N, C-alpha and C. Protein backbone atom coordinates (compact mmCIF):
# COMPACT_ATOMS: atom_id res chain seq x y z
N MET A 1 0.66 -0.96 0.33
CA MET A 1 -0.08 0.27 -0.14
C MET A 1 0.77 1.23 -0.23
N GLU A 2 2.08 0.98 0.98
CA GLU A 2 3.05 2.64 0.62
C GLU A 2 3.13 2.71 -0.72
N GLU A 3 3.70 1.61 -1.69
CA GLU A 3 4.09 2.45 -3.03
C GLU A 3 2.55 3.31 -3.85
N TRP A 4 2.02 2.21 -3.28
CA TRP A 4 0.42 2.56 -3.94
C TRP A 4 0.12 4.42 -3.49
N ILE A 5 0.46 4.63 -1.99
CA ILE A 5 0.38 6.06 -1.70
C ILE A 5 1.43 7.08 -2.52
N ARG A 6 2.73 6.40 -2.34
CA ARG A 6 3.39 6.67 -2.95
C ARG A 6 2.93 7.67 -4.35
N ALA A 7 2.47 6.57 -5.06
CA ALA A 7 2.26 7.06 -6.52
C ALA A 7 1.44 8.23 -6.54
N ASN A 8 0.49 8.50 -5.88
CA ASN A 8 -0.29 8.76 -6.47
C ASN A 8 -0.44 10.10 -5.32
N LEU A 9 1.08 10.33 -4.95
CA LEU A 9 1.34 12.18 -3.82
C LEU A 9 1.22 12.80 -5.02
N LEU A 10 0.62 14.32 -4.64
CA LEU A 10 1.15 15.75 -5.55
C LEU A 10 1.39 16.15 -4.92
N GLU A 11 3.24 16.87 -5.75
CA GLU A 11 3.88 17.24 -5.12
C GLU A 11 3.64 18.71 -4.63
N LEU A 12 3.81 19.39 -3.96
CA LEU A 12 3.35 20.81 -3.60
C LEU A 12 4.55 21.83 -3.33
N SER A 13 5.89 21.23 -3.32
CA SER A 13 6.71 21.96 -3.02
C SER A 13 7.18 23.08 -2.97
N ASP A 14 7.97 24.19 -2.86
CA ASP A 14 7.96 25.55 -3.06
C ASP A 14 9.33 26.32 -2.42
N ALA A 15 9.39 27.83 -2.35
CA ALA A 15 10.86 27.27 -2.20
C ALA A 15 10.59 27.78 -0.43
N SER A 16 9.88 27.25 0.20
CA SER A 16 10.03 27.14 2.11
C SER A 16 10.40 25.99 2.40
N GLY A 17 10.03 24.46 1.04
CA GLY A 17 10.08 23.36 1.40
C GLY A 17 9.42 22.39 0.64
N PHE A 18 9.19 21.10 0.95
CA PHE A 18 8.98 19.64 0.57
C PHE A 18 7.62 19.82 0.77
N ARG A 19 6.43 19.60 0.31
CA ARG A 19 5.01 18.75 0.69
C ARG A 19 4.62 18.50 -0.06
N PHE A 20 3.56 17.45 0.60
CA PHE A 20 2.38 16.63 -0.87
C PHE A 20 0.77 16.58 -0.22
N SER A 21 0.45 16.24 -1.21
CA SER A 21 -0.73 16.31 -0.78
C SER A 21 -1.30 14.82 -1.14
N LEU A 22 -2.44 14.73 -0.86
CA LEU A 22 -3.68 13.43 -1.12
C LEU A 22 -4.69 13.77 -1.36
N CYS A 23 -5.41 12.98 -2.11
CA CYS A 23 -6.81 13.39 -2.00
C CYS A 23 -7.68 11.68 -1.60
N CYS A 24 -9.23 12.28 -1.07
CA CYS A 24 -9.57 10.92 -0.59
C CYS A 24 -10.48 11.14 -1.85
N SER A 25 -10.60 9.70 -2.36
CA SER A 25 -11.30 9.52 -3.83
C SER A 25 -13.26 9.70 -3.29
N VAL A 26 -13.14 8.78 -2.24
CA VAL A 26 -15.13 9.49 -1.86
C VAL A 26 -15.50 10.38 -1.47
N CYS A 27 -14.88 11.66 -0.92
CA CYS A 27 -15.59 12.38 0.11
C CYS A 27 -14.66 14.26 -0.82
N GLY A 28 -13.21 13.61 -1.45
CA GLY A 28 -12.49 14.77 -2.05
C GLY A 28 -12.01 15.59 -0.73
N ARG A 29 -12.00 15.39 0.48
CA ARG A 29 -11.48 16.02 1.32
C ARG A 29 -9.56 16.22 1.08
N VAL A 30 -8.85 16.79 0.73
CA VAL A 30 -7.44 17.15 0.78
C VAL A 30 -6.56 17.37 1.71
N TRP A 31 -5.53 16.49 1.93
CA TRP A 31 -4.90 16.36 3.39
C TRP A 31 -3.22 16.99 2.64
N VAL A 32 -2.62 17.71 3.38
CA VAL A 32 -1.18 18.33 3.11
C VAL A 32 -0.30 18.06 4.05
N SER A 33 0.60 17.44 3.72
CA SER A 33 1.74 16.41 4.47
C SER A 33 2.18 18.54 5.27
N GLU A 34 2.87 18.37 6.46
CA GLU A 34 3.71 18.84 6.81
C GLU A 34 5.20 19.67 5.76
N THR A 35 5.69 20.80 5.85
CA THR A 35 6.56 21.27 5.16
C THR A 35 8.33 20.44 5.96
N THR A 36 8.86 19.93 5.03
CA THR A 36 9.97 19.73 5.40
C THR A 36 11.10 20.75 4.59
N PRO A 37 11.63 21.36 5.28
CA PRO A 37 12.77 22.58 4.59
C PRO A 37 13.43 21.55 4.35
N PHE A 38 14.06 22.62 2.83
CA PHE A 38 15.42 22.18 2.70
C PHE A 38 16.94 22.68 2.25
N SER A 39 17.85 22.26 2.16
CA SER A 39 19.19 23.01 2.59
C SER A 39 18.89 24.08 1.50
N GLY A 40 18.50 24.28 0.44
CA GLY A 40 18.28 25.30 -0.63
C GLY A 40 19.85 25.13 -1.64
N ILE A 41 20.67 23.93 -0.97
CA ILE A 41 22.16 23.54 -1.83
C ILE A 41 21.46 23.23 -3.65
N GLY A 42 20.34 22.37 -3.09
CA GLY A 42 19.64 21.75 -4.55
C GLY A 42 20.20 22.56 -5.24
N ARG A 43 19.55 24.33 -5.22
CA ARG A 43 19.22 25.86 -6.66
C ARG A 43 20.17 25.50 -7.11
N ARG A 44 21.65 25.47 -6.95
CA ARG A 44 23.02 25.31 -8.05
C ARG A 44 23.10 24.34 -8.58
N GLN A 45 23.55 24.52 -9.36
CA GLN A 45 23.01 23.37 -10.64
C GLN A 45 24.55 22.92 -10.86
N THR A 46 24.55 22.43 -9.40
CA THR A 46 25.78 20.93 -10.11
C THR A 46 25.23 19.88 -9.30
N ALA A 47 26.46 18.82 -10.35
CA ALA A 47 25.55 17.33 -9.67
C ALA A 47 25.96 17.32 -8.15
N ARG A 48 26.74 17.63 -7.67
CA ARG A 48 26.63 17.30 -6.29
C ARG A 48 25.52 18.21 -5.15
N SER A 49 25.46 19.53 -6.03
CA SER A 49 23.73 19.80 -5.17
C SER A 49 22.78 19.17 -5.49
N ARG A 50 22.64 18.79 -6.97
CA ARG A 50 21.17 17.98 -7.10
C ARG A 50 21.14 16.84 -6.54
N ALA A 51 22.05 16.38 -6.37
CA ALA A 51 21.85 14.77 -5.67
C ALA A 51 21.52 14.98 -4.00
N LEU A 52 22.32 16.02 -3.50
CA LEU A 52 21.37 16.40 -2.41
C LEU A 52 19.69 16.83 -2.38
N TYR A 53 19.71 17.56 -3.43
CA TYR A 53 17.97 17.64 -3.26
C TYR A 53 17.55 16.70 -3.45
N GLU A 54 17.88 16.24 -4.11
CA GLU A 54 16.99 14.79 -4.70
C GLU A 54 16.83 14.11 -3.40
N ARG A 55 18.22 13.59 -2.37
CA ARG A 55 18.05 12.91 -1.29
C ARG A 55 16.82 13.37 -0.48
N GLU A 56 17.03 14.73 -0.21
CA GLU A 56 16.05 15.18 1.09
C GLU A 56 14.98 15.45 0.44
N ARG A 57 14.50 15.51 -0.99
CA ARG A 57 13.69 15.49 -1.23
C ARG A 57 12.52 14.03 -1.29
N GLU A 58 13.38 12.46 -1.72
CA GLU A 58 13.19 11.56 -0.81
C GLU A 58 12.94 11.84 0.19
N GLU A 59 13.48 11.82 1.36
CA GLU A 59 13.45 11.51 2.79
C GLU A 59 12.30 12.82 2.95
N ALA A 60 11.65 13.56 2.13
CA ALA A 60 10.76 13.95 2.45
C ALA A 60 9.63 13.21 2.32
N MET A 61 9.51 12.80 1.05
CA MET A 61 8.36 12.29 0.52
C MET A 61 8.20 10.81 1.33
N SER A 62 9.40 10.57 1.88
CA SER A 62 9.25 8.96 2.92
C SER A 62 8.26 9.34 4.28
N ARG A 63 9.10 10.99 4.71
CA ARG A 63 8.31 11.25 5.51
C ARG A 63 6.63 11.08 5.54
N ALA A 64 6.17 12.26 3.74
CA ALA A 64 4.84 12.51 4.03
C ALA A 64 3.95 11.03 3.84
N VAL A 65 4.90 9.91 3.12
CA VAL A 65 3.81 8.86 2.76
C VAL A 65 3.17 8.20 4.24
N SER A 66 3.99 8.42 5.10
CA SER A 66 4.27 7.53 6.55
C SER A 66 2.84 8.53 7.28
N GLU A 67 3.09 9.76 6.96
CA GLU A 67 2.22 10.86 8.09
C GLU A 67 0.97 10.20 7.33
N ALA A 68 0.29 10.30 5.36
CA ALA A 68 -0.01 9.52 4.93
C ALA A 68 -0.89 8.23 5.12
N LEU A 69 -0.07 7.30 5.49
CA LEU A 69 -0.43 5.67 5.92
C LEU A 69 -1.30 5.98 7.59
N ARG A 70 -1.26 7.30 8.24
CA ARG A 70 -2.15 6.97 9.20
C ARG A 70 -3.75 7.28 8.80
N GLY A 71 -3.81 8.18 7.73
CA GLY A 71 -5.67 8.70 7.48
C GLY A 71 -5.44 8.27 6.03
N PHE A 72 -5.01 7.42 5.54
CA PHE A 72 -5.58 6.92 4.44
C PHE A 72 -5.55 5.24 4.18
N GLU A 73 -6.48 4.82 3.48
CA GLU A 73 -6.17 3.72 2.69
C GLU A 73 -6.65 3.29 1.65
N VAL A 74 -6.32 2.30 1.20
CA VAL A 74 -6.71 1.49 -0.83
C VAL A 74 -7.52 0.92 0.12
N CYS A 75 -8.76 1.08 -1.44
CA CYS A 75 -10.30 0.38 -0.95
C CYS A 75 -9.44 -1.24 -1.90
N LEU A 76 -9.88 -1.93 -0.75
CA LEU A 76 -9.86 -3.85 -1.33
C LEU A 76 -10.37 -3.79 -2.61
N LEU A 77 -11.45 -2.72 -3.36
CA LEU A 77 -11.92 -3.92 -3.93
C LEU A 77 -11.66 -3.10 -5.38
N CYS A 78 -11.94 -1.48 -5.35
CA CYS A 78 -11.97 -0.57 -6.20
C CYS A 78 -10.18 -0.29 -6.57
N GLY A 79 -9.84 -0.20 -5.30
CA GLY A 79 -8.31 0.54 -5.54
C GLY A 79 -7.98 2.16 -5.64
N LYS A 80 -9.02 2.92 -4.73
CA LYS A 80 -8.65 3.94 -4.31
C LYS A 80 -8.48 4.30 -3.38
N ILE A 81 -8.09 5.34 -3.37
CA ILE A 81 -6.92 5.45 -2.86
C ILE A 81 -8.12 6.70 -0.96
N THR A 82 -8.45 6.25 -0.27
CA THR A 82 -9.30 6.68 0.85
C THR A 82 -9.48 7.13 1.91
N GLY A 83 -9.62 8.14 2.52
CA GLY A 83 -9.96 8.69 3.67
C GLY A 83 -9.97 7.82 4.93
N LYS A 84 -9.94 7.36 5.82
CA LYS A 84 -10.29 6.39 6.72
C LYS A 84 -11.78 6.54 7.07
N GLU A 85 -11.93 7.83 7.19
CA GLU A 85 -13.68 8.53 7.87
C GLU A 85 -14.46 8.22 6.82
N CYS A 86 -13.81 7.43 5.44
CA CYS A 86 -14.77 6.73 4.09
C CYS A 86 -15.13 5.66 4.17
N LEU A 87 -14.26 4.66 4.64
CA LEU A 87 -13.97 3.22 4.79
C LEU A 87 -15.32 2.48 6.03
N GLU A 88 -15.94 1.21 5.22
CA GLU A 88 -16.89 0.83 6.14
C GLU A 88 -15.92 -0.78 6.16
N ALA A 89 -16.58 -1.28 7.43
CA ALA A 89 -16.33 -2.46 7.70
C ALA A 89 -17.20 -3.53 7.05
N LEU A 90 -17.31 -4.51 5.93
CA LEU A 90 -18.16 -5.75 5.77
C LEU A 90 -17.45 -6.89 6.09
N GLY A 91 -18.24 -7.38 7.09
CA GLY A 91 -17.72 -8.26 7.53
C GLY A 91 -15.76 -8.73 7.90
N GLU A 92 -15.32 -9.36 7.21
CA GLU A 92 -13.60 -9.11 7.45
C GLU A 92 -12.95 -8.28 6.56
N MET A 93 -13.38 -7.23 5.92
CA MET A 93 -12.92 -7.04 4.89
C MET A 93 -13.69 -5.09 4.99
N THR A 94 -12.80 -4.13 5.00
CA THR A 94 -12.51 -3.03 4.67
C THR A 94 -12.90 -2.47 3.61
N VAL A 95 -13.97 -1.47 2.87
CA VAL A 95 -13.89 -1.21 1.57
C VAL A 95 -14.26 0.49 1.83
N CYS A 96 -14.02 0.96 0.54
CA CYS A 96 -14.45 2.26 0.59
C CYS A 96 -16.33 2.07 0.71
N ARG A 97 -16.62 3.67 1.05
CA ARG A 97 -18.15 3.94 1.31
C ARG A 97 -18.64 3.45 0.00
N SER A 98 -18.23 4.20 -1.04
CA SER A 98 -19.10 3.64 -2.58
C SER A 98 -18.86 2.43 -2.82
N CYS A 99 -17.98 1.40 -2.46
CA CYS A 99 -18.05 -0.11 -2.90
C CYS A 99 -19.02 -0.90 -1.78
N ALA A 100 -18.59 -0.12 -0.49
CA ALA A 100 -20.36 -1.01 0.48
C ALA A 100 -21.04 -0.55 0.38
N GLU A 101 -21.75 0.86 -0.56
CA GLU A 101 -23.41 0.83 -0.70
C GLU A 101 -23.36 -0.23 -1.78
N ARG A 102 -22.52 0.08 -2.74
CA ARG A 102 -22.93 -1.02 -4.12
C ARG A 102 -23.45 -2.53 -3.58
N LEU A 103 -22.47 -3.13 -2.45
CA LEU A 103 -22.21 -3.94 -2.51
C LEU A 103 -23.73 -4.52 -1.35
N LYS A 104 -24.01 -3.11 -0.55
CA LYS A 104 -25.54 -4.13 0.26
C LYS A 104 -26.52 -3.94 -0.99
N LYS A 105 -26.55 -2.84 -1.94
CA LYS A 105 -27.46 -2.92 -2.60
C LYS A 105 -27.46 -4.20 -4.00
N GLN A 106 -26.60 -5.48 -3.66
CA GLN A 106 -26.68 -6.62 -4.26
C GLN A 106 -27.06 -7.22 -3.38
N LEU A 107 -26.79 -7.27 -2.20
CA LEU A 107 -27.69 -8.27 -1.31
C LEU A 107 -28.77 -8.10 -1.39
């Protein structure tokens, strides 16, 4: 699930630092990670400074994924990223509210 979250993060980084966001596919709530400042060295165009920038960005993204995992899951049926408040337990399975409603209608 971590890779699924990582692949769906939207980068909002700017001069103040690295930030990422994720949106619940059910209710549309947008979550934004805490800003992680970067050293600023990466703005210089040398191979070494670019490598440092990329390392800092990767570390910030990993922290953002960890943060996001506290509030989001991937629906087991449709595969959409869903905020935990939009999930429902159906028996032993946890699915998004949309899939839960569809399944209840089929029963």
